[in-house]
Amino acid sequence: MRQRGFTLMEMLLVIAIIGAFVYFMFNLFGESRDSASAIRTANRVANIIADTTDLLSGQADTTACVDATVISNGAIPDEMVSGTSISNSYGGDVTLASGGLGGASANACVLTFEDVPQDDCSRIVRRTEQLADRISVDGTNVKRYGRDLDISSLGTQCSSANQLDLVWTYRVL
């Protein structure tokens, strides 16, 4: 007599294969979503650095590199501005201040993104490393003035907390 249908073992095998496929797809698309968030943030950082550099390039110093001035001159994307404050897509504050590089004062801007998720930290910094002279993660320099990005330090710092503050210091003058 010939058997019809599937055995229990065959059914369990099919369910296991489908489960593995679903698990793989969730992980793949979850990583893409996280990566997209990091790319979007890195693009915003790049735009802010380019726009503030253009805005201040003819000035005697960078004392005008403050939130109110860059907001009023359109150097911050509109979706990040609420009144006189700037927020990133993670809900953290964004600030701009005048700074110095190479022993000089007021020749650079300092851009801070607060509360960046651990998962996006390294991706954002690596995508923006060429735009800044100095980069720090939670107060530790991962790129020092005149040097390359320290990948080892970046990995350590980006895994040190769930929410991190990223700071880019870039020469304007």
Protein backbone atom coordinates (compact mmCIF):
# COMPACT_ATOMS: atom_id res chain seq x y z
CA MET A 1 0.00 0.00 0.00
CA ARG A 2 1.34 3.41 -0.98
CA GLN A 3 1.59 6.21 1.62
CA ARG A 4 -0.09 9.55 0.86
CA GLY A 5 0.88 12.96 2.31
CA PHE A 6 3.91 13.95 4.37
CA THR A 7 5.38 12.31 7.44
CA LEU A 8 5.78 14.25 10.67
CA MET A 9 9.56 14.45 10.14
CA GLU A 10 9.13 15.95 6.67
CA MET A 11 6.72 18.57 8.02
CA LEU A 12 9.09 19.50 10.86
CA LEU A 13 11.96 19.84 8.39
CA VAL A 14 9.93 22.21 6.18
CA ILE A 15 8.91 24.30 9.21
CA ALA A 16 12.56 24.52 10.36
CA ILE A 17 13.70 25.66 6.90
CA ILE A 18 10.98 28.31 6.72
CA GLY A 19 11.83 29.48 10.24
CA ALA A 20 15.52 29.81 9.36
CA PHE A 21 14.62 31.79 6.22
CA VAL A 22 12.35 34.17 8.16
CA TYR A 23 15.05 34.67 10.83
CA PHE A 24 17.65 35.46 8.15
CA MET A 25 15.35 37.97 6.41
CA PHE A 26 14.52 39.82 9.65
CA ASN A 27 18.21 40.15 10.47
CA LEU A 28 19.06 41.29 6.95
CA PHE A 29 16.37 43.96 6.80
CA GLY A 30 16.97 45.07 10.40
CA GLU A 31 20.63 45.71 9.59
CA SER A 32 19.69 47.63 6.44
CA ARG A 33 17.36 49.86 8.45
CA ASP A 34 20.07 50.55 11.03
CA SER A 35 22.59 51.23 8.31
CA ALA A 36 20.18 53.66 6.61
CA SER A 37 19.85 55.59 9.86
CA ALA A 38 23.64 55.90 10.16
CA ILE A 39 23.95 56.97 6.52
CA ARG A 40 21.22 59.60 6.94
CA THR A 41 22.96 60.99 10.04
CA ALA A 42 26.38 61.01 8.35
CA ASN A 43 24.86 62.90 5.41
CA ARG A 44 23.37 65.47 7.77
CA VAL A 45 26.73 65.92 9.49
CA ALA A 46 28.40 66.39 6.09
CA ASN A 47 25.78 68.97 5.04
CA ILE A 48 26.10 70.92 8.29
CA ILE A 49 29.91 70.98 8.04
CA ALA A 50 29.78 72.11 4.38
CA ASP A 51 27.12 74.76 5.02
CA THR A 52 28.78 76.22 8.12
CA THR A 53 32.16 76.27 6.36
CA ASP A 54 30.59 78.19 3.45
CA LEU A 55 28.77 80.52 5.83
CA LEU A 56 31.86 81.43 7.87
CA SER A 57 34.58 81.28 5.22
CA GLY A 58 34.83 85.07 4.83
CA GLN A 59 34.75 85.85 8.56
CA ALA A 60 37.71 86.93 10.68
CA ASP A 61 37.02 84.15 13.21
CA THR A 62 34.47 81.47 14.04
CA THR A 63 32.72 83.21 16.93
CA ALA A 64 29.56 83.19 14.76
CA CYS A 65 29.61 79.37 14.75
CA VAL A 66 26.75 79.12 17.24
CA ASP A 67 23.29 77.57 17.00
CA ALA A 68 21.30 80.79 16.53
CA THR A 69 23.51 82.12 13.73
CA VAL A 70 23.67 78.89 11.73
CA ILE A 71 19.92 78.30 12.13
CA SER A 72 19.02 81.82 10.97
CA ASN A 73 21.32 81.47 7.94
CA GLY A 74 19.84 78.11 6.87
CA ALA A 75 22.92 75.99 7.56
CA ILE A 76 20.87 73.38 9.47
CA PRO A 77 18.29 71.14 7.74
CA ASP A 78 14.76 72.35 8.58
CA GLU A 79 13.65 68.97 9.93
CA MET A 80 16.30 69.24 12.66
CA VAL A 81 15.24 72.69 13.89
CA SER A 82 12.57 73.42 16.48
CA GLY A 83 12.56 77.11 17.39
CA THR A 84 16.08 77.87 18.55
CA SER A 85 17.11 74.30 19.29
CA ILE A 86 18.51 71.59 17.03
CA SER A 87 17.81 67.87 17.44
CA ASN A 88 19.16 64.80 15.68
CA SER A 89 16.99 61.92 14.46
CA TYR A 90 17.76 59.97 17.66
CA GLY A 91 16.19 62.67 19.85
CA GLY A 92 19.50 64.05 21.12
CA ASP A 93 20.60 67.67 21.04
CA VAL A 94 22.83 69.06 18.32
CA THR A 95 25.04 72.03 19.13
CA LEU A 96 27.54 74.20 17.31
CA ALA A 97 30.26 76.25 18.99
CA SER A 98 33.44 78.09 18.09
CA GLY A 99 36.67 76.19 18.74
CA GLY A 100 40.35 76.12 17.98
CA LEU A 101 42.78 73.78 16.25
CA GLY A 102 46.57 73.73 16.02
CA GLY A 103 47.13 76.08 18.92
CA ALA A 104 44.89 78.80 17.44
CA SER A 105 41.59 79.96 18.86
CA ALA A 106 38.35 80.62 16.99
CA ASN A 107 39.53 79.06 13.70
CA ALA A 108 37.22 76.03 13.82
CA CYS A 109 33.66 74.94 14.53
CA VAL A 110 32.70 72.21 16.99
CA LEU A 111 29.63 70.16 16.04
CA THR A 112 28.12 67.87 18.71
CA PHE A 113 25.49 65.16 18.21
CA GLU A 114 24.23 63.79 21.53
CA ASP A 115 22.60 60.41 22.27
CA VAL A 116 23.77 58.56 19.16
CA PRO A 117 23.02 54.82 19.44
CA GLN A 118 25.93 52.48 19.90
CA ASP A 119 25.01 50.56 16.73
CA ASP A 120 25.36 53.65 14.51
CA CYS A 121 28.39 55.26 16.18
CA SER A 122 31.19 53.60 14.21
CA ARG A 123 29.37 53.83 10.87
CA ILE A 124 28.75 57.55 11.27
CA VAL A 125 32.31 58.36 12.35
CA ARG A 126 33.89 56.32 9.56
CA ARG A 127 31.66 58.01 6.95
CA THR A 128 32.58 61.50 8.21
CA GLU A 129 36.23 61.11 9.20
CA GLN A 130 37.55 63.04 6.18
CA LEU A 131 35.37 66.06 7.00
CA ALA A 132 36.81 66.83 10.43
CA ASP A 133 40.25 67.52 11.84
CA ARG A 134 39.38 66.01 15.22
CA ILE A 135 36.60 63.60 16.24
CA SER A 136 35.74 62.44 19.73
CA VAL A 137 33.33 59.85 21.07
CA ASP A 138 32.10 60.50 24.61
CA GLY A 139 35.07 62.78 25.33
CA THR A 140 37.80 60.51 23.95
CA ASN A 141 39.57 61.56 20.75
CA VAL A 142 39.37 58.86 18.10
CA LYS A 143 40.87 61.15 15.48
CA ARG A 144 43.45 63.66 16.64
CA TYR A 145 44.40 66.83 14.82
CA GLY A 146 46.82 65.98 12.01
CA ARG A 147 46.40 62.21 12.39
CA ASP A 148 44.30 59.40 10.94
CA LEU A 149 41.26 57.86 12.57
CA ASP A 150 42.22 55.36 15.29
CA ILE A 151 39.98 52.40 14.40
CA SER A 152 40.86 50.47 17.57
CA SER A 153 39.96 53.40 19.82
CA LEU A 154 36.79 54.01 17.79
CA GLY A 155 35.64 50.42 18.35
CA THR A 156 36.34 50.63 22.07
CA GLN A 157 34.60 53.98 22.52
CA CYS A 158 31.58 53.13 20.36
CA SER A 159 30.92 50.03 22.46
CA SER A 160 31.36 51.82 25.80
CA ALA A 161 27.72 52.93 26.23
CA ASN A 162 24.28 52.57 24.64
CA GLN A 163 23.97 56.30 23.85
CA LEU A 164 27.06 58.28 22.84
CA ASP A 165 28.00 61.89 22.16
CA LEU A 166 29.91 62.45 18.91
CA VAL A 167 31.94 65.64 18.41
CA TRP A 168 33.49 66.86 15.16
CA THR A 169 35.96 69.76 15.22
CA TYR A 170 36.67 71.13 11.76
CA ARG A 171 38.76 74.05 10.53
CA VAL A 172 36.76 76.80 8.87
CA LEU A 173 39.40 79.54 8.50
